[in-house]
PDB file of N, CA and C in Angstrom:
ATOM      1  N   MET A   1      -7.655   7.386 -28.666  1.00  0.00           N
ATOM      2  CA  MET A   1      -7.103   7.601 -27.350  1.00  0.00           C
ATOM      3  C   MET A   1      -6.791   9.088 -27.157  1.00  0.00           C
ATOM      4  N   LYS A   2      -6.212   9.709 -28.168  1.00  0.00           N
ATOM      5  CA  LYS A   2      -5.856  11.122 -28.063  1.00  0.00           C
ATOM      6  C   LYS A   2      -7.109  11.982 -27.913  1.00  0.00           C
ATOM      7  N   ARG A   3      -8.135  11.647 -28.694  1.00  0.00           N
ATOM      8  CA  ARG A   3      -9.377  12.416 -28.660  1.00  0.00           C
ATOM      9  C   ARG A   3     -10.037  12.342 -27.284  1.00  0.00           C
ATOM     10  N   ARG A   4      -9.888  11.218 -26.619  1.00  0.00           N
ATOM     11  CA  ARG A   4     -10.504  11.017 -25.294  1.00  0.00           C
ATOM     12  C   ARG A   4      -9.546  11.352 -24.146  1.00  0.00           C
ATOM     13  N   HIS A   5      -8.385  11.883 -24.513  1.00  0.00           N
ATOM     14  CA  HIS A   5      -7.365  12.277 -23.520  1.00  0.00           C
ATOM     15  C   HIS A   5      -6.940  11.095 -22.652  1.00  0.00           C
ATOM     16  N   LEU A   6      -6.655   9.991 -23.328  1.00  0.00           N
ATOM     17  CA  LEU A   6      -6.192   8.795 -22.634  1.00  0.00           C
ATOM     18  C   LEU A   6      -4.754   8.502 -23.028  1.00  0.00           C
ATOM     19  N   SER A   7      -4.076   7.800 -22.165  1.00  0.00           N
ATOM     20  CA  SER A   7      -2.691   7.447 -22.430  1.00  0.00           C
ATOM     21  C   SER A   7      -2.419   6.044 -21.902  1.00  0.00           C
ATOM     22  N   LEU A   8      -1.602   5.287 -22.622  1.00  0.00           N
ATOM     23  CA  LEU A   8      -1.194   3.964 -22.149  1.00  0.00           C
ATOM     24  C   LEU A   8      -0.001   4.122 -21.223  1.00  0.00           C
ATOM     25  N   ARG A   9      -0.046   3.439 -20.114  1.00  0.00           N
ATOM     26  CA  ARG A   9       1.059   3.467 -19.157  1.00  0.00           C
ATOM     27  C   ARG A   9       1.527   2.043 -18.907  1.00  0.00           C
ATOM     28  N   SER A  10       2.823   1.883 -18.847  1.00  0.00           N
ATOM     29  CA  SER A  10       3.389   0.577 -18.536  1.00  0.00           C
ATOM     30  C   SER A  10       3.745   0.510 -17.065  1.00  0.00           C
ATOM     31  N   ARG A  11       3.435  -0.606 -16.489  1.00  0.00           N
ATOM     32  CA  ARG A  11       3.759  -0.820 -15.082  1.00  0.00           C
ATOM     33  C   ARG A  11       5.263  -0.971 -14.945  1.00  0.00           C
ATOM     34  N   THR A  12       5.814  -0.331 -13.965  1.00  0.00           N
ATOM     35  CA  THR A  12       7.244  -0.464 -13.708  1.00  0.00           C
ATOM     36  C   THR A  12       7.441  -1.413 -12.541  1.00  0.00           C
ATOM     37  N   SER A  13       8.605  -1.956 -12.448  1.00  0.00           N
ATOM     38  CA  SER A  13       8.893  -2.828 -11.314  1.00  0.00           C
ATOM     39  C   SER A  13       9.814  -2.088 -10.349  1.00  0.00           C
ATOM     40  N   ILE A  14       9.433  -2.126  -9.110  1.00  0.00           N
ATOM     41  CA  ILE A  14      10.249  -1.508  -8.068  1.00  0.00           C
ATOM     42  C   ILE A  14      10.775  -2.644  -7.206  1.00  0.00           C
ATOM     43  N   SER A  15      12.048  -2.692  -7.085  1.00  0.00           N
ATOM     44  CA  SER A  15      12.653  -3.769  -6.328  1.00  0.00           C
ATOM     45  C   SER A  15      13.503  -3.194  -5.203  1.00  0.00           C
ATOM     46  N   GLN A  16      13.168  -3.577  -4.011  1.00  0.00           N
ATOM     47  CA  GLN A  16      13.938  -3.138  -2.854  1.00  0.00           C
ATOM     48  C   GLN A  16      14.243  -4.347  -1.990  1.00  0.00           C
ATOM     49  N   LYS A  17      15.382  -4.304  -1.368  1.00  0.00           N
ATOM     50  CA  LYS A  17      15.733  -5.352  -0.418  1.00  0.00           C
ATOM     51  C   LYS A  17      15.198  -4.960   0.949  1.00  0.00           C
ATOM     52  N   LEU A  18      14.668  -5.952   1.642  1.00  0.00           N
ATOM     53  CA  LEU A  18      14.200  -5.697   2.999  1.00  0.00           C
ATOM     54  C   LEU A  18      15.393  -5.467   3.910  1.00  0.00           C
ATOM     55  N   PRO A  19      15.253  -4.589   4.898  1.00  0.00           N
ATOM     56  CA  PRO A  19      16.367  -4.370   5.818  1.00  0.00           C
ATOM     57  C   PRO A  19      16.657  -5.645   6.609  1.00  0.00           C
ATOM     58  N   THR A  20      17.898  -5.839   6.936  1.00  0.00           N
ATOM     59  CA  THR A  20      18.277  -7.053   7.666  1.00  0.00           C
ATOM     60  C   THR A  20      17.689  -7.069   9.070  1.00  0.00           C
ATOM     61  N   ASP A  21      17.427  -5.899   9.619  1.00  0.00           N
ATOM     62  CA  ASP A  21      16.881  -5.830  10.972  1.00  0.00           C
ATOM     63  C   ASP A  21      15.370  -5.567  10.970  1.00  0.00           C
ATOM     64  N   LEU A  22      14.687  -6.059   9.954  1.00  0.00           N
ATOM     65  CA  LEU A  22      13.258  -5.820   9.812  1.00  0.00           C
ATOM     66  C   LEU A  22      12.477  -6.303  11.033  1.00  0.00           C
ATOM     67  N   GLU A  23      12.695  -7.524  11.439  1.00  0.00           N
ATOM     68  CA  GLU A  23      11.976  -8.075  12.593  1.00  0.00           C
ATOM     69  C   GLU A  23      12.238  -7.255  13.852  1.00  0.00           C
ATOM     70  N   GLU A  24      13.461  -6.779  14.019  1.00  0.00           N
ATOM     71  CA  GLU A  24      13.808  -5.984  15.200  1.00  0.00           C
ATOM     72  C   GLU A  24      13.067  -4.652  15.200  1.00  0.00           C
ATOM     73  N   LYS A  25      12.706  -4.143  14.032  1.00  0.00           N
ATOM     74  CA  LYS A  25      11.975  -2.878  13.931  1.00  0.00           C
ATOM     75  C   LYS A  25      10.463  -3.087  14.008  1.00  0.00           C
ATOM     76  N   VAL A  26       9.977  -4.146  13.374  1.00  0.00           N
ATOM     77  CA  VAL A  26       8.541  -4.371  13.292  1.00  0.00           C
ATOM     78  C   VAL A  26       7.950  -4.792  14.640  1.00  0.00           C
ATOM     79  N   THR A  27       8.615  -5.673  15.325  1.00  0.00           N
ATOM     80  CA  THR A  27       8.083  -6.200  16.580  1.00  0.00           C
ATOM     81  C   THR A  27       7.845  -5.107  17.626  1.00  0.00           C
ATOM     82  N   PRO A  28       8.808  -4.226  17.901  1.00  0.00           N
ATOM     83  CA  PRO A  28       8.535  -3.160  18.878  1.00  0.00           C
ATOM     84  C   PRO A  28       7.439  -2.189  18.416  1.00  0.00           C
ATOM     85  N   PHE A  29       7.387  -1.909  17.116  1.00  0.00           N
ATOM     86  CA  PHE A  29       6.346  -1.012  16.620  1.00  0.00           C
ATOM     87  C   PHE A  29       4.969  -1.639  16.803  1.00  0.00           C
ATOM     88  N   LYS A  30       4.848  -2.915  16.485  1.00  0.00           N
ATOM     89  CA  LYS A  30       3.571  -3.598  16.650  1.00  0.00           C
ATOM     90  C   LYS A  30       3.142  -3.590  18.115  1.00  0.00           C
ATOM     91  N   GLN A  31       4.077  -3.809  19.005  1.00  0.00           N
ATOM     92  CA  GLN A  31       3.764  -3.790  20.433  1.00  0.00           C
ATOM     93  C   GLN A  31       3.356  -2.387  20.880  1.00  0.00           C
ATOM     94  N   PHE A  32       4.025  -1.361  20.356  1.00  0.00           N
ATOM     95  CA  PHE A  32       3.682   0.027  20.668  1.00  0.00           C
ATOM     96  C   PHE A  32       2.247   0.333  20.261  1.00  0.00           C
ATOM     97  N   VAL A  33       1.870  -0.075  19.049  1.00  0.00           N
ATOM     98  CA  VAL A  33       0.512   0.175  18.553  1.00  0.00           C
ATOM     99  C   VAL A  33      -0.506  -0.588  19.394  1.00  0.00           C
ATOM    100  N   THR A  34      -0.208  -1.827  19.724  1.00  0.00           N
ATOM    101  CA  THR A  34      -1.111  -2.627  20.550  1.00  0.00           C
ATOM    102  C   THR A  34      -1.305  -1.984  21.922  1.00  0.00           C
ATOM    103  N   ASP A  35      -0.226  -1.556  22.531  1.00  0.00           N
ATOM    104  CA  ASP A  35      -0.306  -0.897  23.841  1.00  0.00           C
ATOM    105  C   ASP A  35      -1.124   0.389  23.763  1.00  0.00           C
ATOM    106  N   LEU A  36      -0.903   1.146  22.723  1.00  0.00           N
ATOM    107  CA  LEU A  36      -1.634   2.406  22.537  1.00  0.00           C
ATOM    108  C   LEU A  36      -3.132   2.151  22.359  1.00  0.00           C
ATOM    109  N   ARG A  37      -3.462   1.121  21.602  1.00  0.00           N
ATOM    110  CA  ARG A  37      -4.871   0.755  21.419  1.00  0.00           C
ATOM    111  C   ARG A  37      -5.518   0.385  22.741  1.00  0.00           C
ATOM    112  N   GLU A  38      -4.822  -0.433  23.513  1.00  0.00           N
ATOM    113  CA  GLU A  38      -5.378  -0.878  24.793  1.00  0.00           C
ATOM    114  C   GLU A  38      -5.489   0.285  25.772  1.00  0.00           C
ATOM    115  N   GLU A  39      -4.486   1.135  25.780  1.00  0.00           N
ATOM    116  CA  GLU A  39      -4.476   2.284  26.680  1.00  0.00           C
ATOM    117  C   GLU A  39      -5.637   3.232  26.401  1.00  0.00           C
ATOM    118  N   ASN A  40      -5.947   3.439  25.121  1.00  0.00           N
ATOM    119  CA  ASN A  40      -7.014   4.361  24.736  1.00  0.00           C
ATOM    120  C   ASN A  40      -8.335   3.665  24.431  1.00  0.00           C
ATOM    121  N   GLU A  41      -8.356   2.355  24.644  1.00  0.00           N
ATOM    122  CA  GLU A  41      -9.560   1.541  24.460  1.00  0.00           C
ATOM    123  C   GLU A  41     -10.174   1.702  23.068  1.00  0.00           C
ATOM    124  N   PHE A  42      -9.321   1.656  22.045  1.00  0.00           N
ATOM    125  CA  PHE A  42      -9.803   1.700  20.665  1.00  0.00           C
ATOM    126  C   PHE A  42     -10.361   0.344  20.293  1.00  0.00           C
ATOM    127  N   ASN A  43     -11.548   0.344  19.735  1.00  0.00           N
ATOM    128  CA  ASN A  43     -12.177  -0.881  19.270  1.00  0.00           C
ATOM    129  C   ASN A  43     -11.613  -1.220  17.888  1.00  0.00           C
ATOM    130  N   ASP A  44     -11.471  -2.499  17.591  1.00  0.00           N
ATOM    131  CA  ASP A  44     -10.965  -2.931  16.282  1.00  0.00           C
ATOM    132  C   ASP A  44     -11.830  -2.423  15.130  1.00  0.00           C
ATOM    133  N   ASP A  45     -13.096  -2.146  15.384  1.00  0.00           N
ATOM    134  CA  ASP A  45     -13.999  -1.652  14.332  1.00  0.00           C
ATOM    135  C   ASP A  45     -13.585  -0.283  13.810  1.00  0.00           C
ATOM    136  N   PHE A  46     -12.766   0.437  14.565  1.00  0.00           N
ATOM    137  CA  PHE A  46     -12.356   1.776  14.162  1.00  0.00           C
ATOM    138  C   PHE A  46     -10.981   1.802  13.491  1.00  0.00           C
ATOM    139  N   ILE A  47     -10.428   0.642  13.251  1.00  0.00           N
ATOM    140  CA  ILE A  47      -9.110   0.555  12.629  1.00  0.00           C
ATOM    141  C   ILE A  47      -9.276   0.021  11.214  1.00  0.00           C
ATOM    142  N   ILE A  48      -8.741   0.787  10.242  1.00  0.00           N
ATOM    143  CA  ILE A  48      -8.838   0.376   8.842  1.00  0.00           C
ATOM    144  C   ILE A  48      -7.470   0.479   8.182  1.00  0.00           C
ATOM    145  N   ASN A  49      -7.330  -0.154   7.051  1.00  0.00           N
ATOM    146  CA  ASN A  49      -6.094  -0.117   6.284  1.00  0.00           C
ATOM    147  C   ASN A  49      -6.230   0.942   5.201  1.00  0.00           C
ATOM    148  N   MET A  50      -5.277   1.879   5.139  1.00  0.00           N
ATOM    149  CA  MET A  50      -5.355   2.973   4.169  1.00  0.00           C
ATOM    150  C   MET A  50      -4.221   2.908   3.141  1.00  0.00           C
ATOM    151  N   ASP A  51      -3.658   1.740   2.905  1.00  0.00           N
ATOM    152  CA  ASP A  51      -2.605   1.617   1.896  1.00  0.00           C
ATOM    153  C   ASP A  51      -3.177   1.868   0.514  1.00  0.00           C
ATOM    154  N   GLU A  52      -2.363   2.437  -0.348  1.00  0.00           N
ATOM    155  CA  GLU A  52      -2.765   2.599  -1.736  1.00  0.00           C
ATOM    156  C   GLU A  52      -2.425   1.314  -2.477  1.00  0.00           C
ATOM    157  N   THR A  53      -3.396   0.759  -3.143  1.00  0.00           N
ATOM    158  CA  THR A  53      -3.187  -0.483  -3.878  1.00  0.00           C
ATOM    159  C   THR A  53      -3.520  -0.252  -5.343  1.00  0.00           C
ATOM    160  N   PRO A  54      -2.560  -0.463  -6.240  1.00  0.00           N
ATOM    161  CA  PRO A  54      -2.866  -0.284  -7.655  1.00  0.00           C
ATOM    162  C   PRO A  54      -3.806  -1.385  -8.145  1.00  0.00           C
ATOM    163  N   ALA A  55      -4.662  -1.027  -9.073  1.00  0.00           N
ATOM    164  CA  ALA A  55      -5.582  -1.998  -9.655  1.00  0.00           C
ATOM    165  C   ALA A  55      -5.328  -2.080 -11.153  1.00  0.00           C
ATOM    166  N   PHE A  56      -5.038  -3.258 -11.635  1.00  0.00           N
ATOM    167  CA  PHE A  56      -4.813  -3.467 -13.057  1.00  0.00           C
ATOM    168  C   PHE A  56      -5.938  -4.344 -13.574  1.00  0.00           C
ATOM    169  N   PHE A  57      -6.645  -3.848 -14.580  1.00  0.00           N
ATOM    170  CA  PHE A  57      -7.790  -4.574 -15.102  1.00  0.00           C
ATOM    171  C   PHE A  57      -7.439  -5.290 -16.396  1.00  0.00           C
ATOM    172  N   ASP A  58      -7.465  -6.617 -16.357  1.00  0.00           N
ATOM    173  CA  ASP A  58      -7.307  -7.448 -17.536  1.00  0.00           C
ATOM    174  C   ASP A  58      -5.963  -7.284 -18.232  1.00  0.00           C
ATOM    175  N   SER A  59      -4.966  -6.798 -17.556  1.00  0.00           N
ATOM    176  CA  SER A  59      -3.640  -6.665 -18.156  1.00  0.00           C
ATOM    177  C   SER A  59      -2.587  -6.749 -17.061  1.00  0.00           C
ATOM    178  N   ASP A  60      -1.517  -7.425 -17.373  1.00  0.00           N
ATOM    179  CA  ASP A  60      -0.443  -7.543 -16.391  1.00  0.00           C
ATOM    180  C   ASP A  60       0.576  -6.421 -16.492  1.00  0.00           C
ATOM    181  N   THR A  61       0.628  -5.752 -17.651  1.00  0.00           N
ATOM    182  CA  THR A  61       1.707  -4.784 -17.831  1.00  0.00           C
ATOM    183  C   THR A  61       1.268  -3.390 -18.277  1.00  0.00           C
ATOM    184  N   ILE A  62       0.064  -3.237 -18.817  1.00  0.00           N
ATOM    185  CA  ILE A  62      -0.324  -1.944 -19.373  1.00  0.00           C
ATOM    186  C   ILE A  62      -1.637  -1.471 -18.755  1.00  0.00           C
ATOM    187  N   THR A  63      -1.704  -0.189 -18.411  1.00  0.00           N
ATOM    188  CA  THR A  63      -2.939   0.404 -17.918  1.00  0.00           C
ATOM    189  C   THR A  63      -3.272   1.614 -18.775  1.00  0.00           C
ATOM    190  N   ILE A  64      -4.503   2.084 -18.683  1.00  0.00           N
ATOM    191  CA  ILE A  64      -4.939   3.279 -19.402  1.00  0.00           C
ATOM    192  C   ILE A  64      -5.214   4.362 -18.377  1.00  0.00           C
ATOM    193  N   GLN A  65      -4.729   5.564 -18.654  1.00  0.00           N
ATOM    194  CA  GLN A  65      -4.851   6.655 -17.702  1.00  0.00           C
ATOM    195  C   GLN A  65      -5.374   7.898 -18.394  1.00  0.00           C
ATOM    196  N   PHE A  66      -6.227   8.648 -17.683  1.00  0.00           N
ATOM    197  CA  PHE A  66      -6.692   9.932 -18.193  1.00  0.00           C
ATOM    198  C   PHE A  66      -5.540  10.930 -18.083  1.00  0.00           C
ATOM    199  N   LEU A  67      -5.364  11.763 -19.097  1.00  0.00           N
ATOM    200  CA  LEU A  67      -4.327  12.789 -19.061  1.00  0.00           C
ATOM    201  C   LEU A  67      -4.808  13.986 -18.296  1.00  0.00           C
TER     202      LEU A  67
END
């Protein structure tokens, strides 16, 4: 591993509580985005999801990373 400049990394757990007013925040934002799309005539084909999603291969807790 050292020769190939690899390192083992353990997945950490991040725990957060959702805000109590989540629905009150999400609903107006969703409506704002919908209105903006309709106003500017954006086609659904031009909307994509850009979230970062971790990928773990064959392990639930350990990944290998290049240094």
